[in-house]
Protein backbone atom coordinates (compact mmCIF):
# COMPACT_ATOMS: atom_id res chain seq x y z
CA UNK A 1 53.99 28.29 6.22
CA UNK A 2 52.14 31.51 7.17
CA UNK A 3 50.15 32.39 10.29
CA UNK A 4 48.72 34.22 12.67
CA UNK A 5 50.55 32.90 16.14
CA UNK A 6 47.81 34.52 18.22
CA UNK A 7 45.47 32.64 16.10
CA UNK A 8 47.10 29.74 16.42
CA UNK A 9 48.01 29.55 20.17
CA UNK A 10 44.05 29.87 20.42
CA UNK A 11 42.78 27.02 18.35
CA UNK A 12 45.42 24.72 18.49
CA UNK A 13 46.97 22.35 22.03
CA UNK A 14 50.03 21.76 20.12
CA UNK A 15 52.24 24.01 21.58
CA UNK A 16 54.51 24.32 24.49
CA UNK A 17 55.08 27.84 26.26
CA UNK A 18 58.56 27.81 28.45
CA UNK A 19 58.04 31.80 29.32
CA UNK A 20 55.51 34.16 29.53
CA UNK A 21 55.39 37.46 29.95
CA UNK A 22 59.44 37.92 31.05
CA UNK A 23 62.06 39.93 29.22
CA UNK A 24 63.63 39.29 25.96
CA UNK A 25 66.89 38.75 27.50
CA UNK A 26 65.81 36.03 29.92
CA UNK A 27 63.88 34.04 27.02
CA UNK A 28 66.63 34.32 24.84
CA UNK A 29 68.69 32.85 27.82
CA UNK A 30 65.44 30.06 27.92
CA UNK A 31 65.95 29.16 23.99
CA UNK A 32 70.07 29.06 24.30
CA UNK A 33 69.39 26.53 27.28
CA UNK A 34 66.27 24.07 25.52
CA UNK A 35 67.20 24.39 22.01
CA UNK A 36 69.60 21.44 20.82
CA UNK A 37 70.63 23.77 18.01
CA UNK A 38 70.12 28.23 17.81
CA UNK A 39 70.43 30.51 14.69
CA UNK A 40 69.92 33.68 15.16
CA UNK A 41 68.18 36.32 13.26
CA UNK A 42 68.07 39.85 12.70
CA UNK A 43 65.21 41.82 13.61
CA UNK A 44 62.52 42.03 11.03
CA UNK A 45 63.31 38.35 9.68
CA UNK A 46 60.28 36.41 8.50
CA UNK A 47 60.10 33.14 11.09
CA UNK A 48 57.15 30.79 10.06
CA UNK A 49 55.58 34.28 8.37
CA UNK A 50 56.14 36.65 11.03
CA UNK A 51 58.72 39.11 11.42
CA UNK A 52 60.52 38.36 14.51
CA UNK A 53 61.24 41.51 17.17
CA UNK A 54 63.32 41.74 19.45
CA UNK A 55 67.21 42.73 21.01
CA UNK A 56 69.49 41.69 17.83
CA UNK A 57 70.94 38.51 17.36
CA UNK A 58 67.84 37.26 17.99
CA UNK A 59 68.16 33.63 18.86
CA UNK A 60 65.52 31.01 17.36
CA UNK A 61 66.06 27.23 18.71
CA UNK A 62 65.65 24.00 16.50
CA UNK A 63 65.08 20.58 18.12
CA UNK A 64 65.17 17.93 15.42
CA UNK A 65 64.39 15.36 16.42
CA UNK A 66 60.80 16.69 17.93
CA UNK A 67 60.75 18.50 15.01
CA UNK A 68 60.09 21.40 16.51
CA UNK A 69 61.21 25.35 16.42
CA UNK A 70 61.97 27.64 19.96
CA UNK A 71 60.32 31.56 18.65
CA UNK A 72 60.23 34.34 20.95
CA UNK A 73 57.19 36.39 20.79
CA UNK A 74 57.17 39.56 22.00
CA UNK A 75 53.55 41.12 23.00
CA UNK A 76 53.55 44.86 23.44
CA UNK A 77 52.60 45.34 27.01
CA UNK A 78 52.41 41.72 27.56
CA UNK A 79 56.13 41.01 27.79
CA UNK A 80 58.00 37.68 25.64
CA UNK A 81 57.17 34.37 25.81
CA UNK A 82 58.49 31.41 24.16
CA UNK A 83 56.48 29.23 22.39
CA UNK A 84 57.67 25.69 20.94
CA UNK A 85 55.98 25.18 18.05
CA UNK A 86 55.50 22.12 15.47
CA UNK A 87 57.36 22.72 12.11
CA UNK A 88 58.38 20.30 9.27
CA UNK A 89 61.64 19.68 7.83
CA UNK A 90 61.27 22.69 5.02
CA UNK A 91 60.86 24.85 7.73
CA UNK A 92 63.65 24.29 9.78
CA UNK A 93 65.95 24.50 6.72
CA UNK A 94 64.82 28.01 5.60
CA UNK A 95 65.26 29.36 9.49
CA UNK A 96 68.90 27.80 9.26
CA UNK A 97 69.60 30.17 5.83
CA UNK A 98 68.68 33.32 7.51
CA UNK A 99 71.46 32.57 10.44
CA UNK A 100 73.36 35.60 11.09
CA UNK A 101 76.57 34.17 12.73
């Protein structure tokens, strides 16, 4: 799956924003609190075709029951958001393979 997250958020209502215009550390804490499972990745790793940036290790939350992932989305000059997106099982497994811990 490769897409532009900005475009997806503009064209779909199938996502949830749990925090917006926040600091990265606050967003990381929200992901650890809300997700059933947390995978840690390195800055620059590709998640859903998008390179993630942030303070390492970067948490990516997985909710397998709902089929969603929580990702930190940092936009320069706007801060970091936590976005929950629906994904398929194959993408969940791809994210697990990136786990650094």
